[in-house]
Protein backbone atom coordinates (compact mmCIF):
# COMPACT_ATOMS: atom_id res chain seq x y z
CA UNK A 1 0.00 0.00 0.00
CA UNK A 2 2.76 2.42 0.92
CA UNK A 3 4.57 1.76 -2.39
CA UNK A 4 1.42 2.31 -4.43
CA UNK A 5 0.75 5.63 -2.69
CA UNK A 6 4.33 6.73 -3.34
CA UNK A 7 4.03 5.83 -7.02
CA UNK A 8 0.67 7.54 -7.23
CA UNK A 9 1.99 10.75 -5.65
CA UNK A 10 4.59 10.83 -8.41
CA UNK A 11 1.76 11.21 -10.92
CA UNK A 12 -0.33 14.12 -9.59
CA UNK A 13 -1.63 15.02 -13.04
CA UNK A 14 -2.77 11.45 -13.57
CA UNK A 15 -4.49 11.44 -10.19
CA UNK A 16 -6.39 14.60 -11.00
CA UNK A 17 -7.36 13.29 -14.44
CA UNK A 18 -8.58 9.97 -13.04
CA UNK A 19 -10.59 11.62 -10.29
CA UNK A 20 -12.06 14.14 -12.70
CA UNK A 21 -12.90 11.30 -15.06
CA UNK A 22 -14.49 9.41 -12.19
CA UNK A 23 -16.75 12.35 -11.47
CA UNK A 24 -17.79 12.31 -15.11
CA UNK A 25 -18.22 8.54 -14.85
CA UNK A 26 -20.66 8.70 -11.95
CA UNK A 27 -23.49 6.27 -12.62
CA UNK A 28 -26.36 7.74 -14.63
CA UNK A 29 -29.40 5.82 -15.80
CA UNK A 30 -29.35 7.36 -19.28
CA UNK A 31 -25.59 7.05 -19.87
CA UNK A 32 -24.44 3.73 -21.38
CA UNK A 33 -21.36 2.33 -19.65
CA UNK A 34 -19.23 2.22 -22.82
CA UNK A 35 -19.56 6.01 -22.95
CA UNK A 36 -18.45 6.21 -19.34
CA UNK A 37 -15.42 4.01 -20.04
CA UNK A 38 -13.58 7.18 -21.06
CA UNK A 39 -12.53 7.63 -17.43
CA UNK A 40 -11.17 4.07 -17.30
CA UNK A 41 -9.40 4.43 -20.65
CA UNK A 42 -7.92 7.76 -19.57
CA UNK A 43 -5.73 5.97 -17.02
CA UNK A 44 -5.65 2.34 -18.16
CA UNK A 45 -5.60 2.82 -21.93
CA UNK A 46 -8.00 1.36 -24.47
CA UNK A 47 -6.87 -2.18 -23.73
CA UNK A 48 -3.16 -1.48 -23.25
CA UNK A 49 -1.90 0.81 -20.51
CA UNK A 50 0.90 3.18 -21.42
CA UNK A 51 1.21 4.50 -17.86
CA UNK A 52 3.80 3.00 -15.54
CA UNK A 53 2.23 1.24 -12.57
CA UNK A 54 -1.26 1.27 -14.09
CA UNK A 55 -2.41 -2.15 -15.32
CA UNK A 56 -3.81 -2.91 -18.75
CA UNK A 57 -7.48 -3.88 -18.58
CA UNK A 58 -8.01 -5.19 -22.11
CA UNK A 59 -9.80 -8.55 -22.34
CA UNK A 60 -9.92 -9.01 -18.56
CA UNK A 61 -12.71 -11.46 -17.69
CA UNK A 62 -15.78 -9.60 -16.43
CA UNK A 63 -16.06 -11.79 -13.32
CA UNK A 64 -12.51 -10.86 -12.34
CA UNK A 65 -13.11 -7.15 -12.94
CA UNK A 66 -16.35 -7.05 -10.94
CA UNK A 67 -14.57 -8.71 -8.01
CA UNK A 68 -11.75 -6.15 -8.12
CA UNK A 69 -14.18 -3.23 -8.34
CA UNK A 70 -16.12 -4.66 -5.39
CA UNK A 71 -12.90 -4.95 -3.38
CA UNK A 72 -12.02 -1.34 -4.22
CA UNK A 73 -15.51 -0.15 -3.27
CA UNK A 74 -15.44 -2.02 0.04
CA UNK A 75 -11.81 -1.00 0.72
CA UNK A 76 -10.79 -4.65 0.90
CA UNK A 77 -8.09 -3.66 -1.57
CA UNK A 78 -6.44 -0.25 -1.19
CA UNK A 79 -5.32 1.45 -4.39
CA UNK A 80 -5.67 5.17 -5.00
CA UNK A 81 -7.67 6.49 -6.81
CA UNK A 82 -9.70 3.31 -7.38
CA UNK A 83 -11.23 3.30 -3.89
CA UNK A 84 -12.67 6.78 -4.41
CA UNK A 85 -13.80 6.01 -7.96
CA UNK A 86 -15.68 2.85 -6.96
CA UNK A 87 -17.11 4.24 -3.71
CA UNK A 88 -20.42 5.35 -5.17
CA UNK A 89 -21.01 2.40 -7.49
CA UNK A 90 -23.99 0.13 -6.95
CA UNK A 91 -23.69 -3.61 -7.55
CA UNK A 92 -25.34 -3.06 -10.93
CA UNK A 93 -22.77 -0.38 -11.78
CA UNK A 94 -19.92 -2.72 -10.86
CA UNK A 95 -21.28 -5.41 -13.16
CA UNK A 96 -21.96 -2.97 -16.01
CA UNK A 97 -18.42 -1.56 -15.86
CA UNK A 98 -16.94 -5.06 -15.64
CA UNK A 99 -18.91 -6.24 -18.67
CA UNK A 100 -17.84 -3.18 -20.66
CA UNK A 101 -14.17 -3.45 -19.67
CA UNK A 102 -14.16 -7.10 -20.77
CA UNK A 103 -14.90 -5.92 -24.33
CA UNK A 104 -11.70 -3.85 -24.58
CA UNK A 105 -9.11 -5.39 -26.92
CA UNK A 106 -6.36 -7.53 -25.37
CA UNK A 107 -3.22 -5.62 -24.42
CA UNK A 108 -0.28 -5.61 -26.79
CA UNK A 109 2.90 -7.15 -25.48
CA UNK A 110 5.63 -4.80 -24.38
CA UNK A 111 9.14 -5.14 -25.68
CA UNK A 112 10.65 -7.71 -27.97
CA UNK A 113 9.74 -11.38 -27.75
CA UNK A 114 11.51 -13.10 -24.84
CA UNK A 115 14.87 -14.65 -25.62
CA UNK A 116 15.35 -18.40 -25.24
CA UNK A 117 17.10 -18.17 -21.86
CA UNK A 118 14.34 -16.04 -20.33
CA UNK A 119 11.68 -18.25 -21.89
CA UNK A 120 13.26 -21.41 -20.44
CA UNK A 121 13.62 -19.92 -16.94
CA UNK A 122 10.10 -18.49 -16.89
CA UNK A 123 8.45 -21.61 -18.26
CA UNK A 124 10.20 -23.67 -15.58
CA UNK A 125 8.80 -21.33 -12.89
CA UNK A 126 5.33 -21.41 -14.48
CA UNK A 127 5.45 -25.21 -14.49
CA UNK A 128 6.73 -25.43 -10.91
CA UNK A 129 3.98 -23.15 -9.59
CA UNK A 130 1.30 -24.44 -11.98
CA UNK A 131 0.35 -20.95 -13.16
CA UNK A 132 -1.48 -22.34 -16.19
CA UNK A 133 -3.78 -24.47 -14.04
CA UNK A 134 -5.60 -21.27 -13.02
CA UNK A 135 -4.68 -18.62 -15.60
CA UNK A 136 -5.03 -20.98 -18.59
CA UNK A 137 -2.50 -22.45 -21.00
CA UNK A 138 -2.16 -19.08 -22.75
CA UNK A 139 -2.32 -17.08 -19.46
CA UNK A 140 -5.36 -15.20 -20.82
CA UNK A 141 -7.48 -15.92 -17.72
CA UNK A 142 -11.13 -16.92 -17.51
CA UNK A 143 -14.11 -16.47 -15.18
CA UNK A 144 -12.76 -14.83 -12.00
CA UNK A 145 -9.11 -15.53 -12.89
CA UNK A 146 -7.28 -12.55 -14.43
CA UNK A 147 -5.59 -12.30 -17.79
CA UNK A 148 -1.89 -11.82 -17.08
CA UNK A 149 -0.62 -12.34 -20.64
CA UNK A 150 0.92 -9.09 -21.98
CA UNK A 151 0.27 -7.25 -18.69
CA UNK A 152 2.69 -4.43 -17.88
CA UNK A 153 5.99 -5.85 -16.62
CA UNK A 154 6.45 -3.56 -13.62
CA UNK A 155 2.81 -4.08 -12.62
CA UNK A 156 3.21 -7.88 -12.69
CA UNK A 157 6.38 -7.67 -10.59
CA UNK A 158 4.71 -5.35 -8.10
CA UNK A 159 1.61 -7.56 -7.84
CA UNK A 160 3.63 -10.75 -7.30
CA UNK A 161 5.79 -9.04 -4.68
CA UNK A 162 2.67 -7.76 -2.90
CA UNK A 163 1.06 -11.20 -2.96
CA UNK A 164 4.26 -12.69 -1.53
CA UNK A 165 4.34 -10.22 1.37
CA UNK A 166 0.54 -10.44 1.85
CA UNK A 167 0.34 -6.67 1.28
CA UNK A 168 -2.16 -7.43 -1.49
CA UNK A 169 -4.95 -9.71 -0.37
CA UNK A 170 -6.59 -11.86 -2.97
CA UNK A 171 -10.30 -12.61 -2.90
CA UNK A 172 -9.10 -16.11 -2.10
CA UNK A 173 -5.67 -17.00 -0.71
CA UNK A 174 -4.39 -18.89 -3.77
CA UNK A 175 -2.04 -16.20 -5.11
CA UNK A 176 -0.74 -15.32 -1.66
CA UNK A 177 0.07 -18.98 -1.06
CA UNK A 178 1.69 -19.53 -4.48
CA UNK A 179 3.82 -16.40 -4.22
CA UNK A 180 5.32 -17.28 -0.83
CA UNK A 181 8.09 -19.36 -2.43
CA UNK A 182 8.93 -16.97 -5.26
CA UNK A 183 12.43 -15.51 -5.19
CA UNK A 184 13.14 -11.98 -6.40
CA UNK A 185 14.84 -13.22 -9.58
CA UNK A 186 11.89 -15.53 -10.30
CA UNK A 187 9.48 -12.61 -9.98
CA UNK A 188 11.64 -10.57 -12.39
CA UNK A 189 11.75 -13.44 -14.90
CA UNK A 190 8.02 -14.14 -14.69
CA UNK A 191 7.13 -10.46 -15.11
CA UNK A 192 9.53 -9.97 -18.03
CA UNK A 193 8.36 -13.12 -19.82
CA UNK A 194 4.60 -12.74 -19.31
CA UNK A 195 4.66 -9.07 -20.35
CA UNK A 196 6.27 -10.08 -23.65
CA UNK A 197 3.74 -12.77 -24.62
């Protein structure tokens, strides 16, 4: 939490834009959610985030997104400005936003394709920790399991580190348990490889 606040303070213009967009995105009966996605896209990109520390949302499963929005709304997961943005959302709003976000195009990979050495190391870690048993063979997620394929590298590393330290609670303990045994170099390799898929 402390690290995310520090990173967020480094982007005051982004914070103001997101909060202003959130005000524009306040639920309205006559405003279709895709029109209100402008606030989401302003920070997260139209599928692929170009902002350091801000995850890509493209092609995330709706069930995963609604769970995250619920956790932000209920302050079960602390991440500025998401807690303030989700605070006024009804359950129907959470579902509508999640369904709309799921229609965004998948994120584009960042950087060149992974080299053979990185690929071998990362695939060994993925096999050891059975990442594909939840996230799918292509790491594109499904149901309430997130897409991690082509996610931002620094975001993946930060998330895995937070799961390992229990600073980021999952809606179930699976990721916290899996991450306990990850070494720093394994987190770096996983993040670098998955971001480049």
